[in-house]
C-alpha atoms as a PDB file:
ATOM      1  CA  UNK A   1     113.722 116.752  92.036  1.00  0.00           C
ATOM      2  CA  UNK A   2     112.291 114.694  89.330  1.00  0.00           C
ATOM      3  CA  UNK A   3     114.312 111.752  90.874  1.00  0.00           C
ATOM      4  CA  UNK A   4     112.998 112.582  94.414  1.00  0.00           C
ATOM      5  CA  UNK A   5     109.242 112.647  93.222  1.00  0.00           C
ATOM      6  CA  UNK A   6     109.759 109.383  91.339  1.00  0.00           C
ATOM      7  CA  UNK A   7     111.092 107.901  94.499  1.00  0.00           C
ATOM      8  CA  UNK A   8     108.176 109.286  96.673  1.00  0.00           C
ATOM      9  CA  UNK A   9     105.604 108.116  94.096  1.00  0.00           C
ATOM     10  CA  UNK A  10     107.037 104.405  94.275  1.00  0.00           C
ATOM     11  CA  UNK A  11     107.101 104.792  98.004  1.00  0.00           C
ATOM     12  CA  UNK A  12     103.293 105.779  98.055  1.00  0.00           C
ATOM     13  CA  UNK A  13     102.661 102.792  95.745  1.00  0.00           C
ATOM     14  CA  UNK A  14     104.358 100.423  98.196  1.00  0.00           C
ATOM     15  CA  UNK A  15     102.792 102.025 101.211  1.00  0.00           C
ATOM     16  CA  UNK A  16      99.299 101.526  99.769  1.00  0.00           C
ATOM     17  CA  UNK A  17      99.876  97.884  99.200  1.00  0.00           C
ATOM     18  CA  UNK A  18     101.557  97.128 102.486  1.00  0.00           C
ATOM     19  CA  UNK A  19      99.127  99.259 104.621  1.00  0.00           C
ATOM     20  CA  UNK A  20      96.062  97.504 102.889  1.00  0.00           C
ATOM     21  CA  UNK A  21      97.524  94.060 103.360  1.00  0.00           C
ATOM     22  CA  UNK A  22      98.535  94.907 106.841  1.00  0.00           C
ATOM     23  CA  UNK A  23      95.091  96.157 107.869  1.00  0.00           C
ATOM     24  CA  UNK A  24      93.530  93.089 106.210  1.00  0.00           C
ATOM     25  CA  UNK A  25      95.675  90.576 108.090  1.00  0.00           C
ATOM     26  CA  UNK A  26      95.850  92.637 111.289  1.00  0.00           C
ATOM     27  CA  UNK A  27      92.067  92.998 111.670  1.00  0.00           C
ATOM     28  CA  UNK A  28      91.454  89.131 110.782  1.00  0.00           C
ATOM     29  CA  UNK A  29      94.185  87.903 112.981  1.00  0.00           C
ATOM     30  CA  UNK A  30      92.931  90.260 116.027  1.00  0.00           C
ATOM     31  CA  UNK A  31      89.497  88.709 115.337  1.00  0.00           C
ATOM     32  CA  UNK A  32      90.956  85.269 115.741  1.00  0.00           C
ATOM     33  CA  UNK A  33      92.910  86.023 118.857  1.00  0.00           C
ATOM     34  CA  UNK A  34      89.699  87.486 120.276  1.00  0.00           C
ATOM     35  CA  UNK A  35      87.756  84.309 119.284  1.00  0.00           C
ATOM     36  CA  UNK A  36      90.204  81.858 121.010  1.00  0.00           C
ATOM     37  CA  UNK A  37      90.325  84.060 123.928  1.00  0.00           C
ATOM     38  CA  UNK A  38      87.029  82.872 124.869  1.00  0.00           C
ATOM     39  CA  UNK A  39      88.262  79.527 125.867  1.00  0.00           C
ATOM     40  CA  UNK A  40      85.356  77.732 123.967  1.00  0.00           C
ATOM     41  CA  UNK A  41      85.542  74.501 121.784  1.00  0.00           C
ATOM     42  CA  UNK A  42      82.529  74.954 119.807  1.00  0.00           C
ATOM     43  CA  UNK A  43      80.520  78.059 118.514  1.00  0.00           C
ATOM     44  CA  UNK A  44      76.765  78.053 117.675  1.00  0.00           C
ATOM     45  CA  UNK A  45      75.864  80.614 115.069  1.00  0.00           C
ATOM     46  CA  UNK A  46      72.725  81.742 113.359  1.00  0.00           C
ATOM     47  CA  UNK A  47      71.732  80.151 109.920  1.00  0.00           C
ATOM     48  CA  UNK A  48      73.186  81.875 106.842  1.00  0.00           C
ATOM     49  CA  UNK A  49      75.659  84.203 108.833  1.00  0.00           C
ATOM     50  CA  UNK A  50      78.807  85.258 107.422  1.00  0.00           C
ATOM     51  CA  UNK A  51      81.928  84.522 109.436  1.00  0.00           C
ATOM     52  CA  UNK A  52      82.932  88.360 109.485  1.00  0.00           C
ATOM     53  CA  UNK A  53      79.203  89.588 109.687  1.00  0.00           C
ATOM     54  CA  UNK A  54      78.330  91.910 112.502  1.00  0.00           C
ATOM     55  CA  UNK A  55      75.743  89.469 114.033  1.00  0.00           C
ATOM     56  CA  UNK A  56      73.717  92.433 115.239  1.00  0.00           C
ATOM     57  CA  UNK A  57      70.472  90.292 115.528  1.00  0.00           C
ATOM     58  CA  UNK A  58      69.601  87.888 118.425  1.00  0.00           C
ATOM     59  CA  UNK A  59      67.896  84.758 116.834  1.00  0.00           C
ATOM     60  CA  UNK A  60      68.635  82.264 119.630  1.00  0.00           C
ATOM     61  CA  UNK A  61      66.518  81.724 122.649  1.00  0.00           C
ATOM     62  CA  UNK A  62      68.332  81.397 125.936  1.00  0.00           C
ATOM     63  CA  UNK A  63      66.408  77.984 126.036  1.00  0.00           C
ATOM     64  CA  UNK A  64      69.055  76.691 123.819  1.00  0.00           C
ATOM     65  CA  UNK A  65      71.667  76.768 126.813  1.00  0.00           C
ATOM     66  CA  UNK A  66      69.928  73.953 128.856  1.00  0.00           C
ATOM     67  CA  UNK A  67      69.686  71.904 125.336  1.00  0.00           C
ATOM     68  CA  UNK A  68      73.457  72.195 124.786  1.00  0.00           C
ATOM     69  CA  UNK A  69      74.338  71.291 128.337  1.00  0.00           C
ATOM     70  CA  UNK A  70      72.628  68.067 128.104  1.00  0.00           C
ATOM     71  CA  UNK A  71      74.985  66.909 125.290  1.00  0.00           C
ATOM     72  CA  UNK A  72      77.688  64.591 126.211  1.00  0.00           C
ATOM     73  CA  UNK A  73      81.263  66.270 127.039  1.00  0.00           C
ATOM     74  CA  UNK A  74      79.650  69.783 127.252  1.00  0.00           C
ATOM     75  CA  UNK A  75      80.406  71.229 130.627  1.00  0.00           C
ATOM     76  CA  UNK A  76      79.849  74.949 130.163  1.00  0.00           C
ATOM     77  CA  UNK A  77      77.710  76.942 127.460  1.00  0.00           C
ATOM     78  CA  UNK A  78      77.170  80.787 127.532  1.00  0.00           C
ATOM     79  CA  UNK A  79      75.635  83.021 125.079  1.00  0.00           C
ATOM     80  CA  UNK A  80      76.583  86.534 123.865  1.00  0.00           C
ATOM     81  CA  UNK A  81      74.348  89.612 122.262  1.00  0.00           C
ATOM     82  CA  UNK A  82      76.111  91.843 119.859  1.00  0.00           C
ATOM     83  CA  UNK A  83      74.913  95.142 118.806  1.00  0.00           C
ATOM     84  CA  UNK A  84      76.683  97.047 116.175  1.00  0.00           C
ATOM     85  CA  UNK A  85      77.375 100.796 116.737  1.00  0.00           C
ATOM     86  CA  UNK A  86      78.558 101.963 113.325  1.00  0.00           C
ATOM     87  CA  UNK A  87      81.519 101.151 111.453  1.00  0.00           C
ATOM     88  CA  UNK A  88      83.570  98.311 112.661  1.00  0.00           C
ATOM     89  CA  UNK A  89      82.502  98.473 116.308  1.00  0.00           C
ATOM     90  CA  UNK A  90      80.000  96.771 118.436  1.00  0.00           C
ATOM     91  CA  UNK A  91      78.964  96.247 121.901  1.00  0.00           C
ATOM     92  CA  UNK A  92      78.916  92.575 123.322  1.00  0.00           C
ATOM     93  CA  UNK A  93      76.534  91.768 126.105  1.00  0.00           C
ATOM     94  CA  UNK A  94      77.833  89.098 128.597  1.00  0.00           C
ATOM     95  CA  UNK A  95      76.922  86.816 131.237  1.00  0.00           C
ATOM     96  CA  UNK A  96      80.146  87.698 133.183  1.00  0.00           C
ATOM     97  CA  UNK A  97      79.942  84.852 135.721  1.00  0.00           C
ATOM     98  CA  UNK A  98      79.568  82.110 133.033  1.00  0.00           C
ATOM     99  CA  UNK A  99      82.102  83.841 130.657  1.00  0.00           C
ATOM    100  CA  UNK A 100      84.595  84.148 133.327  1.00  0.00           C
ATOM    101  CA  UNK A 101      84.338  80.640 134.079  1.00  0.00           C
ATOM    102  CA  UNK A 102      84.726  79.613 130.631  1.00  0.00           C
ATOM    103  CA  UNK A 103      87.480  82.012 129.705  1.00  0.00           C
ATOM    104  CA  UNK A 104      89.263  82.849 132.989  1.00  0.00           C
ATOM    105  CA  UNK A 105      88.067  86.365 132.861  1.00  0.00           C
ATOM    106  CA  UNK A 106      89.225  89.591 131.731  1.00  0.00           C
ATOM    107  CA  UNK A 107      92.746  90.715 132.709  1.00  0.00           C
ATOM    108  CA  UNK A 108      92.346  94.538 133.606  1.00  0.00           C
ATOM    109  CA  UNK A 109      94.827  97.206 133.543  1.00  0.00           C
ATOM    110  CA  UNK A 110      92.368  99.214 135.752  1.00  0.00           C
ATOM    111  CA  UNK A 111      88.861  98.590 137.151  1.00  0.00           C
ATOM    112  CA  UNK A 112      86.695  95.490 137.175  1.00  0.00           C
ATOM    113  CA  UNK A 113      83.664  93.816 135.673  1.00  0.00           C
ATOM    114  CA  UNK A 114      80.463  95.861 135.419  1.00  0.00           C
ATOM    115  CA  UNK A 115      78.875  96.208 138.996  1.00  0.00           C
ATOM    116  CA  UNK A 116      75.995  98.123 137.951  1.00  0.00           C
ATOM    117  CA  UNK A 117      73.534  98.091 135.050  1.00  0.00           C
ATOM    118  CA  UNK A 118      75.094 101.203 133.310  1.00  0.00           C
ATOM    119  CA  UNK A 119      78.708  99.955 133.595  1.00  0.00           C
ATOM    120  CA  UNK A 120      80.794  99.249 130.636  1.00  0.00           C
ATOM    121  CA  UNK A 121      84.180  97.647 129.927  1.00  0.00           C
ATOM    122  CA  UNK A 122      86.633  98.493 127.072  1.00  0.00           C
ATOM    123  CA  UNK A 123      89.882  97.206 125.937  1.00  0.00           C
ATOM    124  CA  UNK A 124      92.692  99.343 126.056  1.00  0.00           C
ATOM    125  CA  UNK A 125      93.183  99.949 122.395  1.00  0.00           C
ATOM    126  CA  UNK A 126      89.541 101.520 122.219  1.00  0.00           C
ATOM    127  CA  UNK A 127      90.195 103.480 125.514  1.00  0.00           C
ATOM    128  CA  UNK A 128      93.211 104.883 123.962  1.00  0.00           C
ATOM    129  CA  UNK A 129      91.326 105.962 120.794  1.00  0.00           C
ATOM    130  CA  UNK A 130      88.464 107.567 122.704  1.00  0.00           C
ATOM    131  CA  UNK A 131      90.676 108.921 125.620  1.00  0.00           C
ATOM    132  CA  UNK A 132      88.705 107.070 128.104  1.00  0.00           C
ATOM    133  CA  UNK A 133      89.434 106.240 131.897  1.00  0.00           C
ATOM    134  CA  UNK A 134      87.712 104.776 134.641  1.00  0.00           C
ATOM    135  CA  UNK A 135      84.465 106.724 135.553  1.00  0.00           C
ATOM    136  CA  UNK A 136      84.368 108.285 132.181  1.00  0.00           C
ATOM    137  CA  UNK A 137      80.791 108.618 130.538  1.00  0.00           C
ATOM    138  CA  UNK A 138      80.207 107.380 127.071  1.00  0.00           C
ATOM    139  CA  UNK A 139      77.055 107.244 125.028  1.00  0.00           C
ATOM    140  CA  UNK A 140      76.710 104.265 122.917  1.00  0.00           C
ATOM    141  CA  UNK A 141      73.440 102.734 121.450  1.00  0.00           C
ATOM    142  CA  UNK A 142      71.333 105.730 122.674  1.00  0.00           C
ATOM    143  CA  UNK A 143      72.321 104.884 126.245  1.00  0.00           C
ATOM    144  CA  UNK A 144      74.859 106.717 128.681  1.00  0.00           C
ATOM    145  CA  UNK A 145      77.452 104.182 130.194  1.00  0.00           C
ATOM    146  CA  UNK A 146      80.108 104.714 132.820  1.00  0.00           C
ATOM    147  CA  UNK A 147      83.505 103.045 132.302  1.00  0.00           C
ATOM    148  CA  UNK A 148      84.016 100.466 135.027  1.00  0.00           C
ATOM    149  CA  UNK A 149      87.071  98.548 133.584  1.00  0.00           C
ATOM    150  CA  UNK A 150      89.664  98.819 130.916  1.00  0.00           C
ATOM    151  CA  UNK A 151      91.013  95.427 130.052  1.00  0.00           C
ATOM    152  CA  UNK A 152      93.972  94.258 128.190  1.00  0.00           C
ATOM    153  CA  UNK A 153      92.999  93.011 124.498  1.00  0.00           C
ATOM    154  CA  UNK A 154      92.707  89.686 123.100  1.00  0.00           C
ATOM    155  CA  UNK A 155      89.598  88.247 124.528  1.00  0.00           C
ATOM    156  CA  UNK A 156      86.268  88.177 122.617  1.00  0.00           C
ATOM    157  CA  UNK A 157      85.324  91.921 122.249  1.00  0.00           C
ATOM    158  CA  UNK A 158      86.491  95.554 122.776  1.00  0.00           C
ATOM    159  CA  UNK A 159      83.433  96.633 124.578  1.00  0.00           C
ATOM    160  CA  UNK A 160      81.411  94.903 127.026  1.00  0.00           C
ATOM    161  CA  UNK A 161      78.210  95.213 129.148  1.00  0.00           C
ATOM    162  CA  UNK A 162      76.065  92.979 131.138  1.00  0.00           C
ATOM    163  CA  UNK A 163      73.918  90.412 128.917  1.00  0.00           C
ATOM    164  CA  UNK A 164      70.361  91.300 130.306  1.00  0.00           C
ATOM    165  CA  UNK A 165      71.061  95.022 130.128  1.00  0.00           C
ATOM    166  CA  UNK A 166      71.919  94.844 126.405  1.00  0.00           C
ATOM    167  CA  UNK A 167      68.938  92.524 125.873  1.00  0.00           C
ATOM    168  CA  UNK A 168      66.475  95.025 127.307  1.00  0.00           C
ATOM    169  CA  UNK A 169      68.106  97.899 125.481  1.00  0.00           C
ATOM    170  CA  UNK A 170      67.754  96.477 122.046  1.00  0.00           C
ATOM    171  CA  UNK A 171      64.598  94.944 122.758  1.00  0.00           C
ATOM    172  CA  UNK A 172      65.333  91.210 122.745  1.00  0.00           C
ATOM    173  CA  UNK A 173      65.040  89.920 126.148  1.00  0.00           C
ATOM    174  CA  UNK A 174      65.680  86.118 126.513  1.00  0.00           C
ATOM    175  CA  UNK A 175      67.466  86.120 123.134  1.00  0.00           C
ATOM    176  CA  UNK A 176      71.246  85.552 122.034  1.00  0.00           C
ATOM    177  CA  UNK A 177      73.275  86.293 119.140  1.00  0.00           C
ATOM    178  CA  UNK A 178      75.673  83.353 119.337  1.00  0.00           C
ATOM    179  CA  UNK A 179      76.683  80.691 121.957  1.00  0.00           C
ATOM    180  CA  UNK A 180      79.877  79.366 123.082  1.00  0.00           C
ATOM    181  CA  UNK A 181      80.294  75.808 124.328  1.00  0.00           C
ATOM    182  CA  UNK A 182      83.164  74.309 126.293  1.00  0.00           C
ATOM    183  CA  UNK A 183      83.947  70.677 126.491  1.00  0.00           C
ATOM    184  CA  UNK A 184      85.592  68.370 129.089  1.00  0.00           C
ATOM    185  CA  UNK A 185      88.124  67.569 126.431  1.00  0.00           C
ATOM    186  CA  UNK A 186      88.582  69.477 123.253  1.00  0.00           C
ATOM    187  CA  UNK A 187      89.558  66.354 121.216  1.00  0.00           C
ATOM    188  CA  UNK A 188      85.594  65.402 121.130  1.00  0.00           C
ATOM    189  CA  UNK A 189      84.814  68.967 119.472  1.00  0.00           C
ATOM    190  CA  UNK A 190      83.977  67.606 116.131  1.00  0.00           C
ATOM    191  CA  UNK A 191      81.977  64.840 117.509  1.00  0.00           C
ATOM    192  CA  UNK A 192      79.923  67.223 119.521  1.00  0.00           C
ATOM    193  CA  UNK A 193      79.536  69.349 116.418  1.00  0.00           C
ATOM    194  CA  UNK A 194      78.091  66.386 114.501  1.00  0.00           C
ATOM    195  CA  UNK A 195      75.468  65.745 117.151  1.00  0.00           C
ATOM    196  CA  UNK A 196      74.493  69.397 117.433  1.00  0.00           C
ATOM    197  CA  UNK A 197      74.108  69.789 113.663  1.00  0.00           C
ATOM    198  CA  UNK A 198      71.864  66.795 113.707  1.00  0.00           C
ATOM    199  CA  UNK A 199      69.548  68.173 116.562  1.00  0.00           C
ATOM    200  CA  UNK A 200      69.715  71.894 115.414  1.00  0.00           C
ATOM    201  CA  UNK A 201      69.749  71.363 111.534  1.00  0.00           C
ATOM    202  CA  UNK A 202      69.846  75.025 110.065  1.00  0.00           C
ATOM    203  CA  UNK A 203      72.312  76.546 112.809  1.00  0.00           C
ATOM    204  CA  UNK A 204      75.820  77.055 111.839  1.00  0.00           C
ATOM    205  CA  UNK A 205      77.970  75.107 114.276  1.00  0.00           C
ATOM    206  CA  UNK A 206      81.864  75.007 114.262  1.00  0.00           C
ATOM    207  CA  UNK A 207      84.685  73.957 116.268  1.00  0.00           C
ATOM    208  CA  UNK A 208      86.600  76.838 117.409  1.00  0.00           C
ATOM    209  CA  UNK A 209      89.537  75.673 115.167  1.00  0.00           C
ATOM    210  CA  UNK A 210      87.288  75.589 112.087  1.00  0.00           C
ATOM    211  CA  UNK A 211      85.911  78.880 112.746  1.00  0.00           C
ATOM    212  CA  UNK A 212      89.157  80.635 113.007  1.00  0.00           C
ATOM    213  CA  UNK A 213      90.570  79.010 110.101  1.00  0.00           C
ATOM    214  CA  UNK A 214      87.599  80.652 108.043  1.00  0.00           C
ATOM    215  CA  UNK A 215      88.837  83.899 108.892  1.00  0.00           C
ATOM    216  CA  UNK A 216      91.274  84.361 106.137  1.00  0.00           C
ATOM    217  CA  UNK A 217      91.515  87.085 103.316  1.00  0.00           C
ATOM    218  CA  UNK A 218      90.435  84.300 100.760  1.00  0.00           C
ATOM    219  CA  UNK A 219      87.114  83.660 102.951  1.00  0.00           C
ATOM    220  CA  UNK A 220      86.144  87.287 103.312  1.00  0.00           C
ATOM    221  CA  UNK A 221      83.860  88.345 100.577  1.00  0.00           C
ATOM    222  CA  UNK A 222      85.547  90.480  97.842  1.00  0.00           C
ATOM    223  CA  UNK A 223      88.344  91.493 100.251  1.00  0.00           C
ATOM    224  CA  UNK A 224      91.081  89.424  98.083  1.00  0.00           C
ATOM    225  CA  UNK A 225      89.682  91.227  94.952  1.00  0.00           C
ATOM    226  CA  UNK A 226      89.639  94.668  96.635  1.00  0.00           C
ATOM    227  CA  UNK A 227      93.597  94.020  97.446  1.00  0.00           C
ATOM    228  CA  UNK A 228      94.105  93.147  93.813  1.00  0.00           C
ATOM    229  CA  UNK A 229      92.478  96.334  92.596  1.00  0.00           C
ATOM    230  CA  UNK A 230      94.447  98.554  94.826  1.00  0.00           C
ATOM    231  CA  UNK A 231      97.792  96.840  93.700  1.00  0.00           C
ATOM    232  CA  UNK A 232      96.621  97.492  90.143  1.00  0.00           C
ATOM    233  CA  UNK A 233      95.816 101.135  90.588  1.00  0.00           C
ATOM    234  CA  UNK A 234      99.309 101.459  92.622  1.00  0.00           C
ATOM    235  CA  UNK A 235     101.111  99.665  89.706  1.00  0.00           C
ATOM    236  CA  UNK A 236      99.412 102.156  87.202  1.00  0.00           C
ATOM    237  CA  UNK A 237     100.498 105.044  89.242  1.00  0.00           C
ATOM    238  CA  UNK A 238     104.070 103.786  89.487  1.00  0.00           C
ATOM    239  CA  UNK A 239     104.092 103.133  85.855  1.00  0.00           C
ATOM    240  CA  UNK A 240     102.921 106.484  84.886  1.00  0.00           C
ATOM    241  CA  UNK A 241     105.383 108.269  87.123  1.00  0.00           C
ATOM    242  CA  UNK A 242     108.634 106.163  86.029  1.00  0.00           C
ATOM    243  CA  UNK A 243     107.394 106.614  82.439  1.00  0.00           C
ATOM    244  CA  UNK A 244     107.313 110.321  82.649  1.00  0.00           C
ATOM    245  CA  UNK A 245     110.544 110.746  84.718  1.00  0.00           C
ATOM    246  CA  UNK A 246     112.534 108.371  82.192  1.00  0.00           C
ATOM    247  CA  UNK A 247     111.145 109.619  79.267  1.00  0.00           C
ATOM    248  CA  UNK A 248     112.181 113.387  80.179  1.00  0.00           C
ATOM    249  CA  UNK A 249     115.732 111.930  81.401  1.00  0.00           C
ATOM    250  CA  UNK A 250     116.093 110.507  77.927  1.00  0.00           C
ATOM    251  CA  UNK A 251     115.293 113.914  76.152  1.00  0.00           C
ATOM    252  CA  UNK A 252     117.628 115.628  78.617  1.00  0.00           C
ATOM    253  CA  UNK A 253     120.221 113.185  77.756  1.00  0.00           C
ATOM    254  CA  UNK A 254     119.990 113.083  73.975  1.00  0.00           C
ATOM    255  CA  UNK A 255     123.376 114.523  73.518  1.00  0.00           C
ATOM    256  CA  UNK A 256     124.978 112.522  76.330  1.00  0.00           C
ATOM    257  CA  UNK A 257     123.650 109.296  74.531  1.00  0.00           C
ATOM    258  CA  UNK A 258     125.036 110.468  71.311  1.00  0.00           C
ATOM    259  CA  UNK A 259     128.457 110.767  72.736  1.00  0.00           C
ATOM    260  CA  UNK A 260     128.359 107.314  74.353  1.00  0.00           C
ATOM    261  CA  UNK A 261     127.543 105.789  71.094  1.00  0.00           C
ATOM    262  CA  UNK A 262     129.959 107.903  68.957  1.00  0.00           C
ATOM    263  CA  UNK A 263     132.843 106.685  71.156  1.00  0.00           C
ATOM    264  CA  UNK A 264     131.776 103.126  70.464  1.00  0.00           C
ATOM    265  CA  UNK A 265     129.177 102.549  73.428  1.00  0.00           C
ATOM    266  CA  UNK A 266     126.536  99.875  72.276  1.00  0.00           C
ATOM    267  CA  UNK A 267     122.647 100.003  72.486  1.00  0.00           C
ATOM    268  CA  UNK A 268     123.000  97.613  75.117  1.00  0.00           C
ATOM    269  CA  UNK A 269     125.102  99.801  77.306  1.00  0.00           C
ATOM    270  CA  UNK A 270     122.718 102.802  76.811  1.00  0.00           C
ATOM    271  CA  UNK A 271     119.766 100.212  77.685  1.00  0.00           C
ATOM    272  CA  UNK A 272     121.597  99.018  80.772  1.00  0.00           C
ATOM    273  CA  UNK A 273     122.052 102.519  82.108  1.00  0.00           C
ATOM    274  CA  UNK A 274     118.626 103.499  81.901  1.00  0.00           C
ATOM    275  CA  UNK A 275     117.235 100.090  83.247  1.00  0.00           C
ATOM    276  CA  UNK A 276     119.804 100.153  86.370  1.00  0.00           C
ATOM    277  CA  UNK A 277     118.630 103.773  87.023  1.00  0.00           C
ATOM    278  CA  UNK A 278     115.209 102.512  86.873  1.00  0.00           C
ATOM    279  CA  UNK A 279     115.911  99.665  89.264  1.00  0.00           C
ATOM    280  CA  UNK A 280     117.640 101.984  91.740  1.00  0.00           C
ATOM    281  CA  UNK A 281     114.579 104.195  91.777  1.00  0.00           C
ATOM    282  CA  UNK A 282     112.211 101.242  92.328  1.00  0.00           C
ATOM    283  CA  UNK A 283     114.601  99.821  95.141  1.00  0.00           C
ATOM    284  CA  UNK A 284     114.845 103.265  97.056  1.00  0.00           C
ATOM    285  CA  UNK A 285     111.026 103.781  96.587  1.00  0.00           C
ATOM    286  CA  UNK A 286     110.482 100.412  98.132  1.00  0.00           C
ATOM    287  CA  UNK A 287     112.451 101.208 101.037  1.00  0.00           C
ATOM    288  CA  UNK A 288     111.035 104.535 101.813  1.00  0.00           C
ATOM    289  CA  UNK A 289     107.571 102.929 101.308  1.00  0.00           C
ATOM    290  CA  UNK A 290     108.487 100.398 103.957  1.00  0.00           C
ATOM    291  CA  UNK A 291     109.541 103.015 106.281  1.00  0.00           C
ATOM    292  CA  UNK A 292     106.347 104.847 105.549  1.00  0.00           C
ATOM    293  CA  UNK A 293     104.132 101.915 106.207  1.00  0.00           C
ATOM    294  CA  UNK A 294     105.457 101.964 110.001  1.00  0.00           C
ATOM    295  CA  UNK A 295     104.291 105.602 110.191  1.00  0.00           C
ATOM    296  CA  UNK A 296     100.768 104.530 108.862  1.00  0.00           C
ATOM    297  CA  UNK A 297     100.737 101.616 111.494  1.00  0.00           C
ATOM    298  CA  UNK A 298     101.502 104.174 114.089  1.00  0.00           C
ATOM    299  CA  UNK A 299      98.803 106.531 112.903  1.00  0.00           C
ATOM    300  CA  UNK A 300      96.324 103.759 112.792  1.00  0.00           C
ATOM    301  CA  UNK A 301      96.417 103.177 116.438  1.00  0.00           C
ATOM    302  CA  UNK A 302      94.570 106.581 116.911  1.00  0.00           C
ATOM    303  CA  UNK A 303      92.185 105.879 113.876  1.00  0.00           C
ATOM    304  CA  UNK A 304      88.658 105.984 115.232  1.00  0.00           C
ATOM    305  CA  UNK A 305      87.719 102.504 114.235  1.00  0.00           C
ATOM    306  CA  UNK A 306      88.081  98.754 115.128  1.00  0.00           C
ATOM    307  CA  UNK A 307      91.052  98.142 112.694  1.00  0.00           C
ATOM    308  CA  UNK A 308      94.412  96.637 113.612  1.00  0.00           C
ATOM    309  CA  UNK A 309      97.490  97.014 111.253  1.00  0.00           C
ATOM    310  CA  UNK A 310     100.135  94.345 111.501  1.00  0.00           C
ATOM    311  CA  UNK A 311     103.591  94.052 109.595  1.00  0.00           C
ATOM    312  CA  UNK A 312     103.180  91.497 107.073  1.00  0.00           C
ATOM    313  CA  UNK A 313     106.946  90.601 106.111  1.00  0.00           C
ATOM    314  CA  UNK A 314     105.915  88.032 103.513  1.00  0.00           C
ATOM    315  CA  UNK A 315     104.604  90.822 101.444  1.00  0.00           C
ATOM    316  CA  UNK A 316     107.870  92.986 101.426  1.00  0.00           C
ATOM    317  CA  UNK A 317     109.468  91.034  98.646  1.00  0.00           C
ATOM    318  CA  UNK A 318     106.066  90.637  96.968  1.00  0.00           C
ATOM    319  CA  UNK A 319     105.595  94.461  97.011  1.00  0.00           C
ATOM    320  CA  UNK A 320     109.257  94.955  95.878  1.00  0.00           C
ATOM    321  CA  UNK A 321     108.665  92.829  92.910  1.00  0.00           C
ATOM    322  CA  UNK A 322     105.556  94.512  91.966  1.00  0.00           C
ATOM    323  CA  UNK A 323     107.275  98.076  92.406  1.00  0.00           C
ATOM    324  CA  UNK A 324     110.344  96.978  90.206  1.00  0.00           C
ATOM    325  CA  UNK A 325     108.030  95.358  87.560  1.00  0.00           C
ATOM    326  CA  UNK A 326     105.830  98.714  87.356  1.00  0.00           C
ATOM    327  CA  UNK A 327     108.836 100.832  87.227  1.00  0.00           C
ATOM    328  CA  UNK A 328     110.486  98.807  84.663  1.00  0.00           C
ATOM    329  CA  UNK A 329     107.445  98.519  82.283  1.00  0.00           C
ATOM    330  CA  UNK A 330     107.412 102.430  82.738  1.00  0.00           C
ATOM    331  CA  UNK A 331     110.929 102.618  81.424  1.00  0.00           C
ATOM    332  CA  UNK A 332     110.610 100.484  78.238  1.00  0.00           C
ATOM    333  CA  UNK A 333     109.266 103.109  75.968  1.00  0.00           C
ATOM    334  CA  UNK A 334     111.901 105.638  76.971  1.00  0.00           C
ATOM    335  CA  UNK A 335     114.692 103.109  76.819  1.00  0.00           C
ATOM    336  CA  UNK A 336     113.768 102.043  73.278  1.00  0.00           C
ATOM    337  CA  UNK A 337     113.724 105.799  71.954  1.00  0.00           C
ATOM    338  CA  UNK A 338     117.198 106.158  73.684  1.00  0.00           C
ATOM    339  CA  UNK A 339     118.404 102.894  71.903  1.00  0.00           C
ATOM    340  CA  UNK A 340     116.939 103.986  68.516  1.00  0.00           C
ATOM    341  CA  UNK A 341     118.429 107.338  68.517  1.00  0.00           C
ATOM    342  CA  UNK A 342     120.672 108.217  65.471  1.00  0.00           C
ATOM    343  CA  UNK A 343     124.125 109.226  66.697  1.00  0.00           C
ATOM    344  CA  UNK A 344     124.475 112.342  64.152  1.00  0.00           C
ATOM    345  CA  UNK A 345     121.105 113.776  65.438  1.00  0.00           C
ATOM    346  CA  UNK A 346     121.816 113.106  68.996  1.00  0.00           C
ATOM    347  CA  UNK A 347     125.321 114.993  68.881  1.00  0.00           C
ATOM    348  CA  UNK A 348     123.583 118.033  67.154  1.00  0.00           C
ATOM    349  CA  UNK A 349     120.628 117.948  69.641  1.00  0.00           C
ATOM    350  CA  UNK A 350     120.393 121.361  71.667  1.00  0.00           C
END
């Protein structure tokens, strides 16, 4: 039972780390995929905005669109409005004709683009979470919507409505949250960015490649630090559990250790027995933890939030090394106690 609990504790440690890393990478990669799915080459964002910010305000005037269309190599520009609805979810207002021309339009599993002002489209992931289907009624942003389309993911947003409707609903008619620009040739993207930066000054203007490259763990405020805090907590948990398990094992095997030494077994042999057992516990715990991560990944599909978990194979050996290191540290003190035991006292131990 003690061995089983030790393995499970290490497995939980591994699952904590892999789940957090998987959600971090999955959410960022999903955001990158949706951004690239727009088909734009340049993105214009508000001043001082964070890469992963919700962008719930609408600072741009629609008058920016004609200005952008006058720039060399620009063939299409369209804006969106984004309204946060709690957690990681948001509604995106779209000019569907312009957006469809830029991106090729959404691919629908069922239904179609909004035809009426109260129509809303959602991706399959969100529809599955909320148990929605065509014709379902849903209240978001203090407004009741009717689901007109369910589309496959990977393009800009999870929830979309008509641009002018959302503008009126949040009180920002004629204003946009961000603007997407398509060029006649993507190779001119940096040149267009430089020209726009000189004209618009304070606005944040990126090529799509530059913007998506910023969507990494290192560039998201405090995410990397948070991951290391969770890893530290997980290592401490593994250390304590293994320490208690191995310390108890040494006490129970005091007489056995005395016999090994009495028949000529060296301190190195005793040490290797305990450390090999600890290594086995860590490896078994890692394997069980990886299996449990797949269970967490499946459960995440039904979590009511805009989170995606992916399998990050690169972190499997890293997490295994962390689990083994924590377990070995926990076995050090019990192993030293075992090595230092006096043979006579050990043989007389009851």
